[in-house]
Protein backbone atom coordinates (compact mmCIF):
# COMPACT_ATOMS: atom_id res chain seq x y z
CA MET A 1 106.86 21.27 172.71
CA THR A 2 104.05 22.42 170.40
CA GLU A 3 100.47 21.27 170.76
CA LYS A 4 100.74 19.08 167.63
CA GLN A 5 103.85 17.34 168.93
CA HIS A 6 102.12 16.80 172.27
CA GLU A 7 99.18 15.10 170.54
CA GLU A 8 101.53 12.91 168.53
CA ALA A 9 103.27 11.80 171.71
CA GLN A 10 99.99 10.99 173.43
CA ARG A 11 98.77 8.71 170.65
CA PRO A 12 99.19 4.93 171.25
CA ARG A 13 101.99 3.24 169.41
CA GLU A 14 99.63 0.71 167.91
CA ALA A 15 97.87 3.48 165.98
CA TYR A 16 100.82 3.72 163.59
CA GLY A 17 102.30 0.29 163.91
CA PRO A 18 105.97 -0.37 164.68
CA ARG A 19 108.36 2.52 164.25
CA PRO A 20 111.82 2.20 162.77
CA GLU A 21 113.42 2.88 166.12
CA ASP A 22 111.23 0.20 167.77
CA ASP A 23 112.27 -2.72 165.52
CA GLU A 24 113.80 -4.66 168.41
CA LEU A 25 111.18 -6.74 170.16
CA SER A 26 111.44 -7.88 173.72
CA LEU A 27 110.73 -11.39 174.95
CA LEU A 28 107.46 -10.15 176.35
CA ASP A 29 106.40 -8.95 172.89
CA LEU A 30 107.14 -12.40 171.45
CA MET A 31 105.20 -14.12 174.20
CA LEU A 32 102.32 -11.72 173.65
CA VAL A 33 102.16 -12.68 169.95
CA LEU A 34 102.04 -16.35 170.85
CA ALA A 35 99.37 -15.72 173.47
CA ARG A 36 97.19 -13.83 171.01
CA HIS A 37 97.29 -16.72 168.52
CA LYS A 38 97.31 -19.62 170.95
CA ARG A 39 94.23 -21.17 169.34
CA LEU A 40 95.82 -21.02 165.89
CA ILE A 41 99.00 -22.63 167.20
CA PHE A 42 97.09 -25.36 169.01
CA ARG A 43 94.84 -26.16 166.05
CA VAL A 44 97.64 -26.29 163.46
CA THR A 45 99.87 -28.40 165.73
CA ALA A 46 97.03 -30.77 166.54
CA ALA A 47 96.11 -31.04 162.85
CA PHE A 48 99.67 -32.06 161.93
CA ALA A 49 99.78 -34.62 164.75
CA ILE A 50 96.39 -36.14 163.83
CA LEU A 51 97.37 -36.29 160.17
CA ALA A 52 100.62 -38.07 161.08
CA VAL A 53 98.69 -40.61 163.16
CA ILE A 54 96.28 -41.30 160.30
CA VAL A 55 99.08 -41.65 157.75
CA SER A 56 101.09 -43.96 160.01
CA LEU A 57 98.04 -46.19 160.51
CA VAL A 58 97.30 -46.33 156.78
CA MET A 59 100.88 -47.08 155.69
CA THR A 60 101.74 -50.71 154.96
CA LYS A 61 103.66 -52.46 157.71
CA GLN A 62 107.18 -53.56 156.81
CA TYR A 63 109.44 -55.96 158.65
CA LYS A 64 113.22 -56.22 158.70
CA ALA A 65 114.96 -59.60 158.82
CA THR A 66 118.74 -59.74 159.27
CA ALA A 67 121.25 -62.54 158.66
CA ARG A 68 124.86 -62.24 159.77
CA ILE A 69 127.96 -64.08 158.52
CA LEU A 70 131.59 -64.02 159.55
CA ASN A 71 133.92 -61.87 157.51
CA PRO A 72 135.99 -64.42 155.54
CA VAL A 73 139.72 -64.26 156.29
CA GLU A 74 142.07 -65.91 153.83
CA GLN A 75 145.41 -67.24 155.09
CA SER A 76 147.18 -68.39 152.00
CA ALA A 77 149.39 -71.45 151.76
CA MET A 78 151.48 -69.75 149.07
CA ALA A 79 153.17 -67.85 151.88
CA THR A 80 154.79 -71.07 153.03
CA LEU A 81 156.03 -71.84 149.53
CA LEU A 82 157.50 -68.37 149.11
CA GLN A 83 159.07 -68.56 152.53
CA GLN A 84 160.82 -71.78 151.58
CA GLN A 85 162.05 -70.42 148.24
CA LEU A 86 162.78 -66.80 149.13
CA GLY A 87 163.63 -66.83 152.82
CA GLY A 88 161.99 -66.46 156.18
CA GLY A 89 161.78 -62.67 155.98
CA VAL A 90 158.79 -62.96 153.69
CA ALA A 91 156.56 -64.53 156.33
CA GLU A 92 156.82 -61.47 158.54
CA LEU A 93 155.59 -59.21 155.76
CA ILE A 94 152.78 -61.43 154.47
CA LYS A 95 149.43 -60.86 156.12
CA PRO A 96 146.05 -62.56 155.64
CA ASP A 97 143.75 -60.96 153.12
CA ILE A 98 140.49 -59.58 154.47
CA LYS A 99 137.85 -60.19 151.81
CA GLY A 100 134.88 -58.53 153.48
CA ASN A 101 134.44 -55.76 150.92
CA VAL A 102 134.38 -58.34 148.14
CA TYR A 103 131.56 -60.29 149.74
CA VAL A 104 129.60 -57.14 150.54
CA GLY A 105 129.88 -56.17 146.89
CA MET A 106 128.67 -59.62 145.87
CA LEU A 107 125.64 -59.30 148.18
CA LYS A 108 124.83 -55.96 146.51
CA SER A 109 125.34 -57.26 142.97
CA ARG A 110 122.57 -57.49 140.41
CA THR A 111 123.61 -61.06 139.61
CA LEU A 112 122.78 -62.22 143.12
CA GLN A 113 119.58 -60.18 143.14
CA ASP A 114 118.48 -61.89 139.94
CA TRP A 115 119.32 -65.26 141.52
CA VAL A 116 116.99 -64.46 144.43
CA LEU A 117 114.31 -63.19 142.06
CA ASP A 118 114.41 -66.50 140.21
CA ARG A 119 113.33 -68.15 143.46
CA PHE A 120 110.73 -65.66 144.75
CA GLY A 121 109.73 -63.70 141.67
CA PRO A 122 107.07 -64.59 139.11
CA GLU A 123 107.83 -67.20 136.52
CA GLY A 124 109.25 -65.72 133.35
CA TRP A 125 109.96 -62.34 134.93
CA ARG A 126 113.10 -61.90 132.82
CA GLU A 127 111.07 -61.95 129.59
CA THR A 128 108.64 -59.26 130.81
CA THR A 129 111.16 -56.96 132.50
CA GLY A 130 113.57 -54.50 130.96
CA HIS A 131 113.80 -51.62 128.54
CA GLY A 132 110.75 -51.30 126.34
CA LYS A 133 108.84 -54.06 128.18
CA GLU A 134 105.74 -53.96 130.34
CA ASN A 135 107.44 -54.18 133.76
CA LEU A 136 110.21 -52.21 135.39
CA ARG A 137 112.88 -54.20 137.15
CA LYS A 138 112.82 -52.04 140.29
CA ASP A 139 109.06 -52.60 140.63
CA ILE A 140 109.49 -56.38 140.41
CA VAL A 141 112.26 -56.25 143.00
CA LYS A 142 110.24 -54.11 145.40
CA GLU A 143 107.12 -56.24 145.07
CA TYR A 144 108.63 -59.71 145.38
CA ILE A 145 111.89 -59.45 147.35
CA GLY A 146 111.77 -56.00 148.96
CA GLU A 147 114.82 -53.92 149.84
CA ALA A 148 118.16 -55.56 150.73
CA GLU A 149 121.11 -53.91 152.43
CA ALA A 150 124.56 -55.40 153.07
CA LEU A 151 126.99 -53.85 155.55
CA GLU A 152 130.43 -54.75 156.83
CA ASP A 153 130.39 -54.31 160.60
CA LYS A 154 133.32 -53.17 162.70
CA ASP A 155 133.30 -56.40 164.72
CA GLY A 156 134.37 -58.45 161.70
CA THR A 157 130.96 -59.63 160.55
CA ILE A 158 128.82 -58.95 157.48
CA SER A 159 125.10 -58.32 157.94
CA LEU A 160 122.43 -58.70 155.26
CA SER A 161 119.05 -57.11 156.00
CA VAL A 162 115.84 -57.45 153.99
CA VAL A 163 112.81 -55.18 154.47
CA TYR A 164 109.54 -56.70 153.28
CA THR A 165 105.84 -56.60 154.07
CA ASP A 166 105.69 -60.24 155.24
CA PRO A 167 107.93 -61.10 158.23
CA VAL A 168 108.22 -64.79 157.33
CA LYS A 169 109.06 -64.10 153.71
CA ALA A 170 111.53 -61.38 154.73
CA ALA A 171 113.52 -63.97 156.71
CA ALA A 172 113.33 -66.46 153.84
CA ILE A 173 114.63 -63.85 151.36
CA ALA A 174 117.52 -62.89 153.67
CA ASN A 175 118.55 -66.54 154.02
CA ALA A 176 118.26 -66.95 150.26
CA TYR A 177 120.76 -64.13 149.78
CA ILE A 178 123.25 -66.03 151.95
CA GLU A 179 122.72 -69.19 149.91
CA GLY A 180 123.22 -67.19 146.73
CA LEU A 181 126.44 -65.78 148.17
CA LYS A 182 127.74 -69.34 148.64
CA TRP A 183 126.85 -70.09 145.03
CA MET A 184 128.69 -67.01 143.78
CA ALA A 185 131.74 -67.78 145.93
CA ASP A 186 131.95 -71.25 144.38
CA THR A 187 131.38 -69.92 140.85
CA PHE A 188 133.65 -66.89 140.74
CA ALA A 189 137.33 -66.55 141.60
CA VAL A 190 137.04 -64.80 144.94
CA THR A 191 140.06 -65.87 146.94
CA GLY A 192 143.66 -65.04 146.14
CA ALA A 193 144.34 -68.71 145.41
CA SER A 194 141.53 -68.81 142.86
CA GLN A 195 142.72 -65.63 141.21
CA ARG A 196 146.28 -66.90 141.04
CA ARG A 197 145.09 -70.20 139.66
CA LEU A 198 143.18 -68.37 136.90
CA TYR A 199 146.17 -66.15 136.19
CA LEU A 200 148.59 -69.06 136.02
CA GLU A 201 146.14 -71.09 133.96
CA LYS A 202 146.02 -68.35 131.32
CA GLU A 203 149.79 -67.97 131.38
CA LEU A 204 150.18 -71.73 131.15
CA GLU A 205 148.01 -71.84 128.04
CA LYS A 206 150.14 -69.14 126.47
CA ALA A 207 153.32 -70.97 127.42
CA ARG A 208 151.97 -74.25 126.01
CA ALA A 209 151.10 -72.57 122.72
CA SER A 210 154.53 -70.93 122.57
CA LEU A 211 156.22 -74.24 123.36
CA ASN A 212 154.33 -76.08 120.64
CA ARG A 213 155.08 -73.35 118.15
CA ALA A 214 158.79 -73.26 119.04
CA GLU A 215 159.08 -77.05 118.90
CA ALA A 216 157.28 -77.19 115.55
CA ASP A 217 159.50 -74.46 114.12
CA PHE A 218 162.63 -76.26 115.29
CA GLN A 219 161.59 -79.63 113.85
CA LYS A 220 160.44 -78.07 110.59
CA TYR A 221 163.71 -76.20 110.18
CA GLN A 222 165.68 -79.33 111.06
CA GLN A 223 163.84 -81.38 108.46
CA SER A 224 164.07 -78.73 105.75
CA THR A 225 167.77 -78.01 106.16
CA GLY A 226 169.06 -81.32 107.38
CA VAL A 227 171.23 -79.55 109.98
CA TYR A 228 171.85 -81.64 113.07
CA MET A 229 174.14 -81.20 116.06
CA GLY A 230 174.80 -83.69 118.80
CA GLU A 231 173.24 -83.32 122.22
CA ALA A 232 176.59 -82.84 123.90
CA GLN A 233 177.59 -80.13 121.46
CA LEU A 234 174.24 -78.39 121.83
CA THR A 235 174.45 -78.50 125.60
CA ALA A 236 177.92 -77.07 125.60
CA ASN A 237 176.98 -74.30 123.22
CA ILE A 238 173.74 -72.93 124.61
CA GLN A 239 172.98 -74.43 128.03
CA ASN A 240 174.47 -71.47 129.87
CA ARG A 241 172.23 -68.93 128.18
CA ILE A 242 169.17 -71.13 128.47
CA ASN A 243 169.75 -71.48 132.20
CA LEU A 244 170.16 -67.75 132.64
CA ARG A 245 166.98 -66.98 130.75
CA ALA A 246 165.12 -69.67 132.68
CA GLN A 247 166.34 -68.18 135.97
CA VAL A 248 165.03 -64.79 134.88
CA ALA A 249 161.62 -66.24 134.03
CA ALA A 250 161.46 -68.20 137.30
CA ARG A 251 162.33 -65.17 139.40
CA GLU A 252 159.79 -63.03 137.56
CA ILE A 253 157.11 -65.59 138.39
CA GLN A 254 158.25 -65.60 142.01
CA LEU A 255 158.10 -61.81 142.05
CA ASN A 256 154.54 -61.76 140.70
CA SER A 257 153.51 -64.32 143.29
CA LEU A 258 155.14 -62.31 146.07
CA LEU A 259 153.42 -59.10 144.99
CA ALA A 260 150.09 -60.84 145.54
CA TYR A 261 150.86 -60.62 149.27
CA ALA A 262 153.36 -57.81 149.75
CA THR A 263 153.99 -54.32 148.44
CA PRO A 264 156.61 -53.46 145.79
CA GLN A 265 158.74 -51.98 148.60
CA ASN A 266 159.01 -55.36 150.30
CA PRO A 267 162.71 -56.24 150.88
CA GLU A 268 162.32 -59.63 149.21
CA ALA A 269 160.63 -58.02 146.22
CA VAL A 270 163.48 -55.53 145.93
CA LYS A 271 165.96 -58.39 146.21
CA LEU A 272 164.25 -60.34 143.44
CA ARG A 273 164.19 -57.32 141.14
CA ASN A 274 167.92 -56.81 141.71
CA GLN A 275 168.59 -60.46 140.91
CA ILE A 276 166.52 -60.24 137.73
CA ASP A 277 168.40 -57.11 136.63
CA ALA A 278 171.74 -58.81 137.31
CA LEU A 279 170.77 -61.90 135.31
CA LYS A 280 169.57 -59.80 132.39
CA ALA A 281 172.82 -57.86 132.48
CA GLU A 282 174.78 -61.13 132.39
CA ILE A 283 172.76 -62.34 129.41
CA GLN A 284 173.35 -59.05 127.64
CA ARG A 285 177.09 -59.29 128.35
CA LEU A 286 177.32 -62.81 126.95
CA GLU A 287 175.43 -61.91 123.81
CA GLU A 288 177.56 -58.84 123.14
CA GLN A 289 180.89 -60.48 123.90
CA PRO A 290 182.57 -61.61 120.65
CA ASP A 291 183.95 -65.10 120.81
CA PRO A 292 185.22 -66.81 117.65
CA GLY A 293 184.79 -70.14 119.35
CA ASP A 294 181.18 -69.49 120.17
CA PRO A 295 178.97 -71.46 117.77
CA LEU A 296 176.27 -68.85 118.21
CA ASN A 297 178.47 -66.23 116.59
CA PRO A 298 178.39 -66.62 112.80
CA ALA A 299 181.38 -64.30 112.50
CA GLY A 300 183.44 -67.10 113.95
CA GLY A 301 182.97 -69.20 110.89
CA MET A 302 179.72 -70.99 111.70
CA PRO A 303 177.38 -71.32 108.73
CA ALA A 304 174.26 -69.25 108.89
CA ALA A 305 172.09 -72.36 108.72
CA ARG A 306 173.64 -73.86 111.84
CA PHE A 307 173.42 -70.50 113.60
CA GLU A 308 169.67 -70.28 112.93
CA TYR A 309 169.36 -73.92 113.98
CA LEU A 310 170.87 -73.09 117.37
CA GLU A 311 168.62 -70.04 117.78
CA LYS A 312 165.50 -72.11 117.20
CA TYR A 313 166.76 -74.82 119.49
CA ARG A 314 167.48 -72.30 122.24
CA ASP A 315 164.01 -70.79 121.90
CA TRP A 316 162.43 -74.24 122.07
CA LYS A 317 164.34 -75.19 125.21
CA PHE A 318 163.58 -71.87 126.85
CA GLN A 319 159.86 -72.29 126.25
CA GLU A 320 160.14 -75.81 127.62
CA VAL A 321 161.77 -74.60 130.86
CA LEU A 322 159.27 -71.77 131.18
CA TYR A 323 156.35 -74.10 130.69
CA SER A 324 157.71 -76.49 133.32
CA THR A 325 158.10 -73.64 135.80
CA LEU A 326 154.59 -72.33 135.19
CA LEU A 327 153.19 -75.84 135.45
CA LYS A 328 154.81 -76.25 138.84
CA PHE A 329 153.34 -73.01 140.12
CA PHE A 330 149.95 -73.84 138.62
CA GLU A 331 149.83 -77.17 140.43
CA THR A 332 150.76 -75.38 143.65
CA ALA A 333 147.94 -72.87 143.15
CA ARG A 334 145.47 -75.67 142.48
CA LEU A 335 146.47 -77.44 145.67
CA GLU A 336 146.21 -74.18 147.57
CA GLU A 337 142.74 -73.50 146.16
CA ALA A 338 141.58 -77.01 147.05
CA SER A 339 142.99 -76.81 150.57
CA HIS A 340 141.53 -73.36 151.21
CA PRO A 341 137.98 -73.41 149.87
CA VAL A 342 135.60 -70.50 150.40
CA VAL A 343 133.61 -71.17 153.56
CA ILE A 344 130.65 -68.88 154.29
CA GLN A 345 130.08 -69.24 158.02
CA VAL A 346 126.59 -68.16 159.04
CA LEU A 347 126.73 -66.54 162.46
CA ASP A 348 123.04 -65.65 162.75
CA LYS A 349 120.38 -67.09 160.51
CA ALA A 350 117.55 -64.70 159.67
CA ASP A 351 114.42 -65.33 161.72
CA PRO A 352 110.97 -63.77 161.18
CA PRO A 353 110.98 -60.43 163.03
CA GLU A 354 108.48 -59.99 165.84
CA LEU A 355 108.13 -56.21 165.60
CA ARG A 356 107.54 -54.04 162.57
CA PHE A 357 110.38 -51.98 161.17
CA LYS A 358 108.25 -49.41 159.35
CA PRO A 359 106.32 -47.18 159.81
CA LYS A 360 107.87 -45.72 162.97
CA ARG A 361 104.66 -44.23 164.30
CA LYS A 362 106.02 -42.53 167.40
CA LEU A 363 108.80 -40.88 165.46
CA MET A 364 106.41 -39.79 162.71
CA VAL A 365 103.97 -38.24 165.20
CA ILE A 366 106.74 -36.47 167.13
CA LEU A 367 108.33 -35.03 163.99
CA ALA A 368 104.96 -34.02 162.53
CA THR A 369 103.96 -32.34 165.81
CA MET A 370 107.22 -30.39 165.93
CA LEU A 371 106.82 -29.37 162.30
CA GLY A 372 103.22 -28.31 162.91
CA PHE A 373 104.26 -26.26 165.92
CA PHE A 374 106.92 -24.39 163.95
CA VAL A 375 104.50 -23.79 161.07
CA ALA A 376 101.88 -22.50 163.52
CA VAL A 377 104.37 -20.16 165.22
CA PHE A 378 105.43 -18.81 161.85
CA ALA A 379 101.78 -18.28 160.89
CA ALA A 380 101.13 -16.50 164.19
CA PHE A 381 103.97 -14.05 163.65
CA ALA A 382 102.90 -13.55 160.03
CA ALA A 383 99.34 -12.77 161.13
CA ASP A 384 100.59 -10.35 163.78
CA PHE A 385 102.79 -8.64 161.20
CA VAL A 386 99.82 -8.19 158.89
CA ARG A 387 97.74 -6.79 161.77
CA ARG A 388 100.39 -4.25 162.65
CA ALA A 389 100.92 -3.33 159.00
CA LYS A 390 97.22 -2.54 158.56
CA GLN A 391 97.41 -0.07 161.44
CA ASP A 392 100.14 1.94 159.71
CA PRO A 393 98.83 3.98 156.74
CA GLU A 394 102.08 3.70 154.83
CA GLN A 395 102.47 -0.02 155.52
CA SER A 396 98.78 -0.58 154.83
CA ALA A 397 99.13 0.96 151.40
CA LYS A 398 102.11 -1.23 150.60
CA LEU A 399 100.25 -4.27 151.88
CA GLN A 400 97.26 -3.46 149.68
CA GLU A 401 99.52 -2.98 146.67
CA PHE A 402 101.22 -6.29 147.41
CA SER A 403 97.85 -8.01 147.68
CA GLN A 404 96.78 -6.58 144.33
CA ALA A 405 100.05 -7.72 142.77
CA LEU A 406 99.35 -11.27 143.88
CA ASN A 407 95.77 -11.17 142.58
CA LEU A 408 95.59 -13.74 139.78
CA GLU A 409 91.97 -13.08 138.91
CA ARG A 410 92.88 -11.21 135.74
CA PHE A 411 94.87 -14.22 134.50
CA THR A 412 92.04 -16.68 135.16
CA ARG A 413 89.18 -14.48 133.97
CA ARG A 414 87.94 -15.50 130.55
CA ARG A 415 88.51 -13.02 127.80
CA ARG A 416 85.20 -11.73 126.48
CA PRO A 417 84.93 -11.77 122.68
CA SER A 418 84.60 -8.40 120.95
CA PRO A 419 81.52 -7.63 118.82
CA ARG A 420 83.61 -8.04 115.68
CA GLU A 421 84.80 -11.50 116.75
CA SER A 422 81.21 -12.53 117.45
């Protein structure tokens, strides 16, 4: 070993900073860094904790009031009607409808929120809120009724929570949401019976209009042509086809009603579809079968006027049977809706909370202290890295170059005007 190499070996490692082969630090080295900067770590951690305490004391207190209702379960009476008409196998496949998600959605709706704002918000808030107006809707909501949250619990209940700055008003707002839910349940078609009643009501209006139109067309044609056939002759000619078409319409209505409870793969639904297909095939066979004695076949010698007369009469009678069937189902749906009203059962009424919900001071201080500790540890290692880099000539030069690259003084310094510009 030469004299120069011996001197290099005798020099302390700190004189040149960390070497490439000494990149791996031991636990003792890490503890030494923390020990050197213990004051920095303590001060930064304490500063974060004190700041969190001050912020938590300055923040406005908020309280959370919660009301809880039972998840409405609808057991429809239409199941009994279908069981009587279609067989007992339907009852085993029909289950009660759980309507919890519907009511949770209603509690979250803007319509219900506006209903609550009408009670607790400023008078005339609708005229001053909206696009291009002086107030934002979210600000009015936050100021007057706070934040509301609706959840469907696993135990079969629905909870509605309101967070507000006043505990008494928070409870009042939560209870108002429940009252508004009752109003919406009575106003909108929520249950299956209500939805079926609306559906059948629309179909009934269509059937009534079709019946009136068919009857008017038949009477008008009868008066204009003077064609008339006796009731016995008409019954003998077309009653079979009218009955078949009426059976198809009745079974289609039964199928739609059944699908409100069961899936399309339900055995009774499959059975009804097969029956409908068979009836349609029978109607098609009768219409395609040539029969000279059939009055509906003009090729058999019937005048065209009497043929059209029978077509209009058949359409009128079919609409009449269809309307009667729909009317029967509509009355059943109305009775079902009346016998199964929407009942919002309040399990727990919202009471003014005794303890604040926000700010969570302990949690804020703990999280801020942990964050401050990690920031302080990072700063300690960064400071130790800079110290070691300054001891290495090569690293020191790079550090100085990096510092000059980050110097923004030349960007902020005012540009002096040249003599020509002055």
